[in-house]
Amino acid sequence: MALRPQARDSSKYLSDDTIVAISSAVGGAIALVRLSGPRAFEILASLTDGRRPGFSARAEPRKFYRARLHHRQDLDDAMFVRFAAPASFTGEDVVELYLHGGGYVASRVLEATIALGARQALPGEFSFRAVRNGKLTLSQAAAVADLIAAANDNAVSLALEKLSGTQNRLIHSLAQDLRTLAALGEIGIDFSDQDVDEVSLPRLKTRLGPLTETLLRLKNSYQRGIRIQEGISVAFVGLPNAGKSSFFNALLGEDRSIVSDIPGTTRDVVHERLTLRDGDQAVTLRLEDTAGLRSTEDQIEQIGISRSEKSARTADLILFIIDPGSPPEQILTQWRNLRCPASKTIAVITKADLYDGTQRAAVRLTLNSLQISQWIEVSSMNGAGIEMAVRSIVQASSQLTQRERGEVLLTRLDQLSAVNQALEHLERAAKAQEIELFAADIRQALHGLAPLIGETPTDDILGQIFSEFCIGK
């Protein structure tokens, strides 16, 4: 029986079904199948107790046991661990089956558990239940997803800090200050007919400043958080046939972009993700190889060039690829059309194996006139300068991802949305003419911030968030 992907019915997240999923990459030495829910131990008994009645019930929690798995036929000689509720990841009865690696064995065991009454888990459903049962906060569950997706040391460190809860101190302090202010607002309403300065509207408004500053710092941290977690956007721009795609492929170590002497070969933006390391520093890049910039009557190529210009303007870092044989006026015109700051640009002078020092020196003079101070000479054919290019890119990118240890950075759009909502209500509270309106906006700010401070939002919002997780987590 071939198992088909389930439709993502968010209502199933609210069920009390016993769920099951393959929770490891298939094809390694060991495969992990995880069950969670009220029938987890019953299904374990059905798989293991045929020759040894009561064997699984006697197994102590959190200890490994070897067992022959059987359902209609032998499935595997495996290991299992029981976790009794509430001392488990999900807060429910959990069983983990450790199988011999390989897709076929894991799939057969998965089919057997479903035949015995389990339901294939939805994406993120184990983490959903952990949040629902108070084993994780929503921010910690999001950190689990961030840790799985991490592609560099900084992303791992940031995700682990969030998962351990060390970043929650600032969030909890912010939440407590909001709750205190909301309570004072309610008291101010009760004493509005009396002259009590401590809970007067002007006095309460003075407390908004530090809260607003904290929320603004969180809002402004989002771009750095995204750069750490998802990568720094890097645009390759230059004249046609300047060597963009060759340099792009040299960094990747594979032929990802088409290389040709025909101008206009690259018609669209080619996306790739790559982690570069220089010593103990590593950065993840979202590379974009763009169409060559030139005047053309080809409508398709014009669209590609327009996208190239947009990619350059929105990128965190620009690699300005230059053929030393290009006339200086073409380089100048191209740069003016890009309208990008020189401060976020590294010039890459390509084809160092084909041009002499005089031609390369002329290009450097042109770059100086453009105030582009960072430049590298490379040859994608023989590899000259590629190591230096990697070092320069890593150093420039690292400046965009610097953070203090323990500093809270937002890494998810729903977190940014929560902060923006809270800020909007605090701004309205600062303008409120009546204390009743002030108190209402403070409560709304606290409500909007709920996903970030760990308070559980409505189940439908939870379902939407966890549907983006991988199956088995």
Protein backbone atom coordinates (compact mmCIF):
# COMPACT_ATOMS: atom_id res chain seq x y z
CA MET A 1 0.00 0.00 0.00
CA ALA A 2 1.48 3.34 -1.05
CA LEU A 3 0.84 6.15 1.39
CA ARG A 4 -0.26 9.38 -0.21
CA PRO A 5 0.28 12.87 1.27
CA GLN A 6 -2.74 13.96 3.30
CA ALA A 7 -4.71 17.09 2.54
CA ARG A 8 -3.94 19.72 5.16
CA ASP A 9 -7.23 19.83 7.04
CA SER A 10 -6.43 22.25 9.87
CA SER A 11 -9.32 20.87 11.97
CA LYS A 12 -7.35 17.64 12.43
CA TYR A 13 -4.79 19.55 14.49
CA LEU A 14 -7.47 19.82 17.19
CA SER A 15 -8.20 16.09 17.31
CA ASP A 16 -7.14 13.60 19.99
CA ASP A 17 -6.16 10.97 17.42
CA THR A 18 -3.04 8.92 17.91
CA ILE A 19 -0.66 10.25 15.28
CA VAL A 20 2.37 8.66 13.63
CA ALA A 21 5.11 9.79 11.27
CA ILE A 22 8.56 8.89 10.06
CA SER A 23 10.62 11.43 12.00
CA SER A 24 14.01 10.92 10.40
CA ALA A 25 15.54 11.17 6.97
CA VAL A 26 14.97 7.92 5.10
CA GLY A 27 17.99 6.02 3.83
CA GLY A 28 20.40 6.28 6.75
CA ALA A 29 21.53 3.60 9.19
CA ILE A 30 18.57 4.17 11.55
CA ALA A 31 15.00 5.26 10.80
CA LEU A 32 12.74 6.69 13.51
CA VAL A 33 8.96 6.26 13.57
CA ARG A 34 7.20 8.24 16.30
CA LEU A 35 3.69 7.78 17.71
CA SER A 36 1.86 10.12 20.07
CA GLY A 37 -1.62 9.91 21.56
CA PRO A 38 -3.95 7.82 23.72
CA ARG A 39 -3.48 4.59 21.72
CA ALA A 40 0.31 4.77 21.33
CA PHE A 41 1.03 2.07 23.95
CA GLU A 42 -1.80 -0.12 22.65
CA ILE A 43 -0.33 -0.01 19.12
CA LEU A 44 3.12 -0.76 20.51
CA ALA A 45 1.71 -3.82 22.26
CA SER A 46 0.09 -5.01 19.03
CA LEU A 47 3.43 -4.73 17.23
CA THR A 48 5.64 -6.33 19.93
CA ASP A 49 3.67 -8.61 22.26
CA GLY A 50 2.69 -11.45 19.92
CA ARG A 51 5.37 -13.82 21.24
CA ARG A 52 5.84 -12.15 24.65
CA PRO A 53 2.44 -11.16 26.11
CA GLY A 54 2.61 -8.02 28.28
CA PHE A 55 6.20 -7.36 27.26
CA SER A 56 5.76 -3.70 26.26
CA ALA A 57 3.62 -2.88 29.32
CA ARG A 58 6.48 -4.00 31.57
CA ALA A 59 9.00 -1.83 29.72
CA GLU A 60 10.17 1.09 31.85
CA PRO A 61 9.75 4.57 30.37
CA ARG A 62 12.81 6.21 28.79
CA LYS A 63 14.72 2.93 28.37
CA PHE A 64 15.58 1.15 25.14
CA TYR A 65 14.15 -2.32 24.52
CA ARG A 66 14.77 -4.69 21.65
CA ALA A 67 11.73 -6.28 20.04
CA ARG A 68 10.66 -8.11 16.90
CA LEU A 69 7.96 -5.98 15.22
CA HIS A 70 5.16 -8.01 13.66
CA HIS A 71 1.86 -7.20 12.00
CA ARG A 72 0.53 -9.99 9.78
CA GLN A 73 4.18 -10.67 8.99
CA ASP A 74 7.59 -9.83 10.47
CA LEU A 75 8.49 -6.16 9.95
CA ASP A 76 11.84 -5.59 11.64
CA ASP A 77 14.14 -6.49 14.51
CA ALA A 78 14.03 -3.07 16.17
CA MET A 79 14.37 -1.01 19.34
CA PHE A 80 11.65 1.01 21.07
CA VAL A 81 11.33 3.60 23.86
CA ARG A 82 8.17 4.50 25.78
CA PHE A 83 7.46 7.99 27.18
CA ALA A 84 4.50 8.10 29.55
CA ALA A 85 2.39 11.26 29.69
CA PRO A 86 3.02 13.97 30.68
CA ALA A 87 6.80 13.35 30.64
CA SER A 88 7.19 13.42 26.86
CA PHE A 89 7.82 15.91 24.07
CA THR A 90 4.09 16.24 23.30
CA GLY A 91 2.81 15.76 26.86
CA GLU A 92 1.00 12.59 25.67
CA ASP A 93 1.94 8.92 25.66
CA VAL A 94 4.71 8.65 23.06
CA VAL A 95 6.43 5.67 21.46
CA GLU A 96 9.58 5.88 19.37
CA LEU A 97 10.49 2.94 17.13
CA TYR A 98 14.12 2.74 16.00
CA LEU A 99 14.30 0.70 12.80
CA HIS A 100 16.93 -0.43 10.37
CA GLY A 101 17.36 2.41 7.90
CA GLY A 102 15.83 2.31 4.48
CA GLY A 103 12.61 3.62 3.06
CA TYR A 104 10.90 0.26 2.62
CA VAL A 105 11.16 -0.91 6.25
CA ALA A 106 10.07 2.47 7.65
CA SER A 107 7.13 2.64 5.24
CA ARG A 108 5.95 -0.88 6.15
CA VAL A 109 6.05 -0.08 9.88
CA LEU A 110 4.22 3.21 9.22
CA GLU A 111 1.52 1.34 7.29
CA ALA A 112 1.18 -1.17 10.14
CA THR A 113 0.66 1.54 12.78
CA ILE A 114 -1.99 3.18 10.61
CA ALA A 115 -3.74 -0.16 10.15
CA LEU A 116 -3.76 -0.53 13.94
CA GLY A 117 -5.53 2.80 14.46
CA ALA A 118 -3.02 5.64 14.18
CA ARG A 119 -3.35 8.55 11.78
CA GLN A 120 -0.50 9.92 9.72
CA ALA A 121 0.61 13.16 11.38
CA LEU A 122 0.13 16.52 9.75
CA PRO A 123 3.13 18.84 9.29
CA GLY A 124 4.31 20.05 12.69
CA GLU A 125 1.58 18.18 14.55
CA PHE A 126 3.92 16.80 17.23
CA SER A 127 5.17 20.32 17.99
CA PHE A 128 1.57 21.59 17.86
CA ARG A 129 0.59 19.15 20.61
CA ALA A 130 3.65 20.14 22.65
CA VAL A 131 2.44 23.76 22.58
CA ARG A 132 -1.18 22.82 23.19
CA ASN A 133 -0.19 20.73 26.21
CA GLY A 134 2.13 23.35 27.69
CA LYS A 135 5.40 21.53 26.99
CA LEU A 136 6.71 24.29 24.70
CA THR A 137 5.88 27.94 24.20
CA LEU A 138 4.97 28.98 20.70
CA SER A 139 8.28 30.82 20.32
CA GLN A 140 10.19 27.69 21.38
CA ALA A 141 8.28 25.59 18.87
CA ALA A 142 9.17 28.11 16.17
CA ALA A 143 12.79 27.77 17.29
CA VAL A 144 12.58 24.03 16.58
CA ALA A 145 11.67 24.83 12.97
CA ASP A 146 14.46 27.42 12.81
CA LEU A 147 16.97 24.87 14.12
CA ILE A 148 15.97 22.31 11.49
CA ALA A 149 16.31 24.93 8.76
CA ALA A 150 19.62 26.36 10.10
CA ALA A 151 22.39 26.44 7.50
CA ASN A 152 25.19 28.17 9.44
CA ASP A 153 26.65 28.46 12.94
CA ASN A 154 24.92 31.76 13.72
CA ALA A 155 21.52 30.34 12.78
CA VAL A 156 22.11 27.29 14.99
CA SER A 157 23.22 29.44 17.93
CA LEU A 158 20.23 31.77 17.60
CA ALA A 159 17.75 28.88 17.35
CA LEU A 160 19.26 27.07 20.36
CA GLU A 161 19.06 30.23 22.48
CA LYS A 162 15.38 30.57 21.63
CA LEU A 163 14.72 26.88 22.23
CA SER A 164 16.41 26.95 25.65
CA GLY A 165 14.26 29.89 26.70
CA THR A 166 17.17 32.24 27.44
CA GLN A 167 15.72 34.83 25.06
CA ASN A 168 12.40 34.78 26.89
CA ARG A 169 13.59 37.11 29.66
CA LEU A 170 13.19 40.25 27.56
CA ILE A 171 9.88 39.05 26.17
CA HIS A 172 8.52 38.14 29.62
CA SER A 173 9.65 41.48 31.04
CA LEU A 174 7.92 43.29 28.19
CA ALA A 175 4.74 41.27 28.71
CA GLN A 176 4.74 41.94 32.45
CA ASP A 177 5.19 45.68 31.91
CA LEU A 178 2.24 45.66 29.50
CA ARG A 179 0.08 43.71 31.96
CA THR A 180 1.00 46.15 34.74
CA LEU A 181 0.14 49.12 32.56
CA ALA A 182 -3.15 47.50 31.52
CA ALA A 183 -4.03 46.94 35.19
CA LEU A 184 -3.14 50.54 36.07
CA GLY A 185 -5.32 51.71 33.19
CA GLU A 186 -8.26 49.77 34.63
CA ILE A 187 -7.61 51.28 38.06
CA GLY A 188 -7.44 54.71 36.46
CA ILE A 189 -10.90 54.16 35.00
CA ASP A 190 -12.27 53.29 38.45
CA PHE A 191 -10.70 56.45 39.94
CA SER A 192 -11.32 58.72 36.96
CA ASP A 193 -13.62 60.93 39.03
CA GLN A 194 -10.88 61.44 41.62
CA ASP A 195 -7.55 63.24 41.39
CA VAL A 196 -5.15 60.30 41.76
CA ASP A 197 -1.94 61.31 39.98
CA GLU A 198 -0.36 57.80 39.92
CA VAL A 199 -3.11 56.48 37.63
CA SER A 200 -3.90 59.65 35.71
CA LEU A 201 -3.78 59.49 31.92
CA PRO A 202 -0.73 61.81 31.53
CA ARG A 203 1.20 59.81 34.15
CA LEU A 204 0.36 56.47 32.52
CA LYS A 205 1.46 57.75 29.11
CA THR A 206 4.97 58.37 30.45
CA ARG A 207 5.33 54.60 30.82
CA LEU A 208 4.86 54.04 27.08
CA GLY A 209 8.33 55.26 26.04
CA PRO A 210 10.45 52.28 27.21
CA LEU A 211 7.85 49.80 25.93
CA THR A 212 7.80 51.42 22.51
CA GLU A 213 11.61 51.49 22.36
CA THR A 214 11.79 47.77 23.15
CA LEU A 215 9.24 46.93 20.48
CA LEU A 216 11.03 49.09 17.91
CA ARG A 217 14.31 47.26 18.63
CA LEU A 218 12.52 43.98 18.06
CA LYS A 219 10.97 45.25 14.84
CA ASN A 220 14.32 46.49 13.55
CA SER A 221 15.96 43.15 14.40
CA TYR A 222 13.85 41.28 11.85
CA GLN A 223 16.08 41.93 8.85
CA ARG A 224 19.17 40.71 10.72
CA GLY A 225 17.27 37.67 11.95
CA ILE A 226 16.19 36.78 8.42
CA ARG A 227 19.75 37.24 7.14
CA ILE A 228 21.03 34.83 9.80
CA GLN A 229 18.26 32.27 9.38
CA GLU A 230 17.56 32.36 5.65
CA GLY A 231 20.69 33.94 4.23
CA ILE A 232 21.97 37.25 2.92
CA SER A 233 20.61 38.19 -0.49
CA VAL A 234 23.47 38.65 -2.96
CA ALA A 235 22.89 39.95 -6.50
CA PHE A 236 25.30 39.24 -9.36
CA VAL A 237 25.05 42.13 -11.81
CA GLY A 238 27.11 43.21 -14.78
CA LEU A 239 27.27 43.66 -18.53
CA PRO A 240 26.43 40.67 -20.74
CA ASN A 241 29.26 38.16 -21.07
CA ALA A 242 31.16 39.73 -18.17
CA GLY A 243 31.62 36.34 -16.51
CA LYS A 244 28.74 36.51 -14.01
CA SER A 245 27.54 32.96 -14.52
CA SER A 246 31.08 31.53 -14.54
CA PHE A 247 31.86 33.23 -11.22
CA PHE A 248 28.44 32.17 -9.87
CA ASN A 249 29.23 28.55 -10.77
CA ALA A 250 32.77 28.83 -9.34
CA LEU A 251 31.34 29.81 -5.94
CA LEU A 252 28.77 27.01 -6.07
CA GLY A 253 31.27 24.46 -7.29
CA GLU A 254 28.86 23.30 -10.01
CA ASP A 255 27.36 24.45 -13.31
CA ARG A 256 24.13 25.97 -12.02
CA SER A 257 23.96 28.85 -14.52
CA ILE A 258 24.33 28.45 -18.27
CA VAL A 259 27.69 29.78 -19.49
CA SER A 260 27.89 31.01 -23.08
CA ASP A 261 29.73 33.58 -25.19
CA ILE A 262 26.36 34.70 -26.59
CA PRO A 263 25.22 37.94 -24.89
CA GLY A 264 21.85 37.66 -23.17
CA THR A 265 22.14 33.94 -22.32
CA THR A 266 20.86 34.50 -18.78
CA ARG A 267 17.27 35.73 -19.27
CA ASP A 268 15.95 35.55 -15.69
CA VAL A 269 17.17 35.64 -12.11
CA VAL A 270 18.68 32.28 -11.10
CA HIS A 271 18.35 31.58 -7.36
CA GLU A 272 20.61 29.37 -5.23
CA ARG A 273 21.48 29.08 -1.54
CA LEU A 274 25.05 28.54 -0.42
CA THR A 275 26.97 28.60 2.87
CA LEU A 276 30.51 29.99 2.63
CA ARG A 277 33.10 29.57 5.37
CA ASP A 278 36.26 31.55 6.06
CA GLY A 279 38.10 30.32 9.15
CA ASP A 280 35.63 30.26 12.03
CA GLN A 281 33.14 32.52 10.24
CA ALA A 282 30.33 31.14 8.09
CA VAL A 283 27.49 32.90 6.31
CA THR A 284 24.57 31.67 4.26
CA LEU A 285 23.94 33.48 1.00
CA ARG A 286 20.87 33.62 -1.20
CA LEU A 287 22.60 34.02 -4.54
CA GLU A 288 20.85 35.62 -7.50
CA ASP A 289 22.54 35.40 -10.89
CA THR A 290 20.87 38.06 -13.02
CA ALA A 291 20.55 38.89 -16.70
CA GLY A 292 23.27 41.06 -18.23
CA LEU A 293 22.44 44.77 -18.29
CA ARG A 294 22.31 46.23 -21.80
CA SER A 295 19.99 47.95 -24.26
CA THR A 296 17.96 45.38 -26.19
CA GLU A 297 14.83 45.10 -28.31
CA ASP A 298 14.15 41.56 -27.08
CA GLN A 299 11.04 41.85 -24.85
CA ILE A 300 11.88 38.71 -22.86
CA GLU A 301 15.40 39.92 -22.22
CA GLN A 302 14.06 43.35 -21.23
CA ILE A 303 11.95 41.69 -18.53
CA GLY A 304 15.04 39.84 -17.28
CA ILE A 305 17.06 43.06 -17.20
CA SER A 306 14.28 44.83 -15.28
CA ARG A 307 14.30 42.03 -12.74
CA SER A 308 18.09 42.29 -12.50
CA GLU A 309 17.87 45.99 -11.62
CA LYS A 310 15.20 45.28 -9.00
CA SER A 311 17.27 42.42 -7.57
CA ALA A 312 20.27 44.73 -7.19
CA ARG A 313 18.26 47.46 -5.45
CA THR A 314 16.76 45.06 -2.90
CA ALA A 315 19.85 42.89 -2.29
CA ASP A 316 21.87 43.07 0.92
CA LEU A 317 25.11 42.75 -1.04
CA ILE A 318 25.92 43.40 -4.71
CA LEU A 319 28.68 41.67 -6.63
CA PHE A 320 29.37 43.98 -9.56
CA ILE A 321 30.94 41.73 -12.19
CA ILE A 322 33.23 43.51 -14.65
CA ASP A 323 35.07 42.29 -17.75
CA PRO A 324 38.35 44.28 -17.96
CA GLY A 325 37.76 44.56 -21.70
CA SER A 326 34.55 46.56 -21.25
CA PRO A 327 34.77 50.26 -22.21
CA PRO A 328 34.77 52.51 -19.10
CA GLU A 329 31.75 54.47 -20.38
CA GLN A 330 29.70 51.25 -20.48
CA ILE A 331 30.65 50.44 -16.90
CA LEU A 332 29.75 53.97 -15.79
CA THR A 333 26.39 53.90 -17.59
CA GLN A 334 25.55 50.50 -16.16
CA TRP A 335 26.33 51.60 -12.62
CA ARG A 336 24.23 54.74 -12.90
CA ASN A 337 21.28 52.67 -14.16
CA LEU A 338 21.50 50.39 -11.13
CA ARG A 339 21.18 53.30 -8.68
CA CYS A 340 22.72 51.24 -5.87
CA PRO A 341 24.97 52.42 -3.03
CA ALA A 342 28.67 51.70 -3.41
CA SER A 343 28.82 50.87 0.31
CA LYS A 344 27.08 47.50 -0.24
CA THR A 345 29.00 46.63 -3.41
CA ILE A 346 32.03 44.44 -4.07
CA ALA A 347 33.46 44.70 -7.58
CA VAL A 348 34.65 41.43 -9.09
CA ILE A 349 37.08 41.91 -11.98
CA THR A 350 36.82 38.68 -13.95
CA LYS A 351 38.95 36.92 -16.56
CA ALA A 352 42.22 37.78 -14.81
CA ASP A 353 43.88 35.06 -16.91
CA LEU A 354 42.98 36.82 -20.17
CA TYR A 355 43.92 40.47 -19.56
CA ASP A 356 47.19 42.13 -18.64
CA GLY A 357 47.83 44.41 -15.68
CA THR A 358 47.32 47.61 -17.69
CA GLN A 359 43.72 46.72 -18.59
CA ARG A 360 42.90 45.63 -15.04
CA ALA A 361 44.43 48.83 -13.66
CA ALA A 362 42.17 50.88 -15.96
CA VAL A 363 39.14 49.12 -14.49
CA ARG A 364 40.32 49.91 -10.96
CA LEU A 365 40.55 53.61 -11.85
CA THR A 366 36.96 53.48 -13.10
CA LEU A 367 35.88 51.83 -9.83
CA ASN A 368 37.62 54.55 -7.83
CA SER A 369 35.61 57.17 -9.72
CA LEU A 370 32.46 55.28 -8.69
CA GLN A 371 33.66 55.21 -5.03
CA ILE A 372 33.58 51.41 -5.01
CA SER A 373 36.41 50.68 -2.62
CA GLN A 374 36.14 46.89 -2.45
CA TRP A 375 37.29 44.93 -5.50
CA ILE A 376 38.70 41.48 -6.26
CA GLU A 377 40.43 40.05 -9.33
CA VAL A 378 39.45 36.47 -10.19
CA SER A 379 39.65 33.87 -12.90
CA SER A 380 36.78 31.41 -12.86
CA MET A 381 38.68 29.22 -15.30
CA ASN A 382 41.79 28.52 -13.21
CA GLY A 383 40.39 29.43 -9.77
CA ALA A 384 42.72 32.36 -9.16
CA GLY A 385 41.28 34.81 -6.63
CA ILE A 386 38.25 32.65 -5.75
CA GLU A 387 39.51 32.05 -2.21
CA MET A 388 40.04 35.78 -1.74
CA ALA A 389 36.55 36.42 -3.13
CA VAL A 390 35.07 34.01 -0.59
CA ARG A 391 36.95 35.76 2.23
CA SER A 392 35.74 39.21 1.12
CA ILE A 393 32.13 38.06 0.74
CA VAL A 394 32.13 36.38 4.17
CA GLN A 395 33.63 39.44 5.87
CA ALA A 396 31.16 41.83 4.22
CA SER A 397 28.23 39.52 5.01
CA SER A 398 29.28 38.99 8.62
CA GLN A 399 28.86 42.71 9.27
CA LEU A 400 25.20 42.34 8.29
CA THR A 401 24.56 39.51 10.76
CA GLN A 402 26.43 40.64 13.87
CA ARG A 403 24.56 40.33 17.15
CA GLU A 404 25.27 40.27 20.84
CA ARG A 405 24.98 36.93 22.57
CA GLY A 406 21.49 36.64 24.02
CA GLU A 407 20.16 39.48 21.85
CA VAL A 408 16.59 38.78 20.76
CA LEU A 409 16.11 38.74 16.99
CA LEU A 410 12.86 38.11 15.19
CA THR A 411 13.09 35.41 12.51
CA ARG A 412 9.47 34.81 11.51
CA LEU A 413 6.92 36.97 9.75
CA ASP A 414 4.23 36.15 12.33
CA GLN A 415 6.55 37.46 15.06
CA LEU A 416 7.10 40.70 13.14
CA SER A 417 3.34 41.00 12.61
CA ALA A 418 2.75 40.62 16.37
CA VAL A 419 5.26 43.38 17.16
CA ASN A 420 3.76 45.68 14.52
CA GLN A 421 0.28 45.17 15.96
CA ALA A 422 1.50 45.97 19.46
CA LEU A 423 3.31 49.09 18.22
CA GLU A 424 0.21 50.28 16.40
CA HIS A 425 -1.89 50.04 19.57
CA LEU A 426 0.77 51.73 21.72
CA GLU A 427 0.87 54.61 19.24
CA ARG A 428 -2.90 54.91 19.50
CA ALA A 429 -2.67 54.74 23.30
CA ALA A 430 -0.19 57.62 23.27
CA LYS A 431 -2.76 59.74 21.39
CA ALA A 432 -5.79 58.67 23.46
CA GLN A 433 -7.78 61.52 24.99
CA GLU A 434 -9.72 59.30 27.38
CA ILE A 435 -8.33 56.80 29.86
CA GLU A 436 -10.89 54.21 28.75
CA LEU A 437 -9.46 54.33 25.21
CA PHE A 438 -5.92 54.20 26.60
CA ALA A 439 -6.67 51.07 28.63
CA ALA A 440 -8.41 49.41 25.65
CA ASP A 441 -5.40 49.98 23.40
CA ILE A 442 -2.98 48.60 26.00
CA ARG A 443 -5.09 45.44 26.23
CA GLN A 444 -5.11 45.19 22.43
CA ALA A 445 -1.32 45.62 22.35
CA LEU A 446 -0.96 42.77 24.83
CA HIS A 447 -3.36 40.62 22.79
CA GLY A 448 -1.51 41.34 19.55
CA LEU A 449 1.79 40.38 21.13
CA ALA A 450 0.46 37.04 22.43
CA PRO A 451 2.24 34.83 19.83
CA LEU A 452 5.60 36.34 20.76
CA ILE A 453 5.23 36.30 24.55
CA GLY A 454 4.21 32.65 24.57
CA GLU A 455 0.50 32.96 25.17
CA THR A 456 -1.35 30.54 22.93
CA PRO A 457 -3.35 32.16 20.12
CA THR A 458 -6.53 30.65 18.73
CA ASP A 459 -6.40 27.08 17.44
CA ASP A 460 -6.96 28.07 13.82
CA ILE A 461 -3.94 30.41 13.93
CA LEU A 462 -1.90 27.63 15.54
CA GLY A 463 -2.93 25.28 12.75
CA GLN A 464 -1.84 27.80 10.14
CA ILE A 465 1.56 28.26 11.79
CA PHE A 466 2.34 24.57 12.25
CA SER A 467 1.22 23.59 8.75
CA GLU A 468 4.52 25.15 7.60
CA PHE A 469 6.56 22.66 9.66
CA CYS A 470 7.94 19.41 8.29
CA ILE A 471 6.05 16.14 8.79
CA GLY A 472 7.33 14.18 11.80
CA LYS A 473 8.13 17.30 13.84
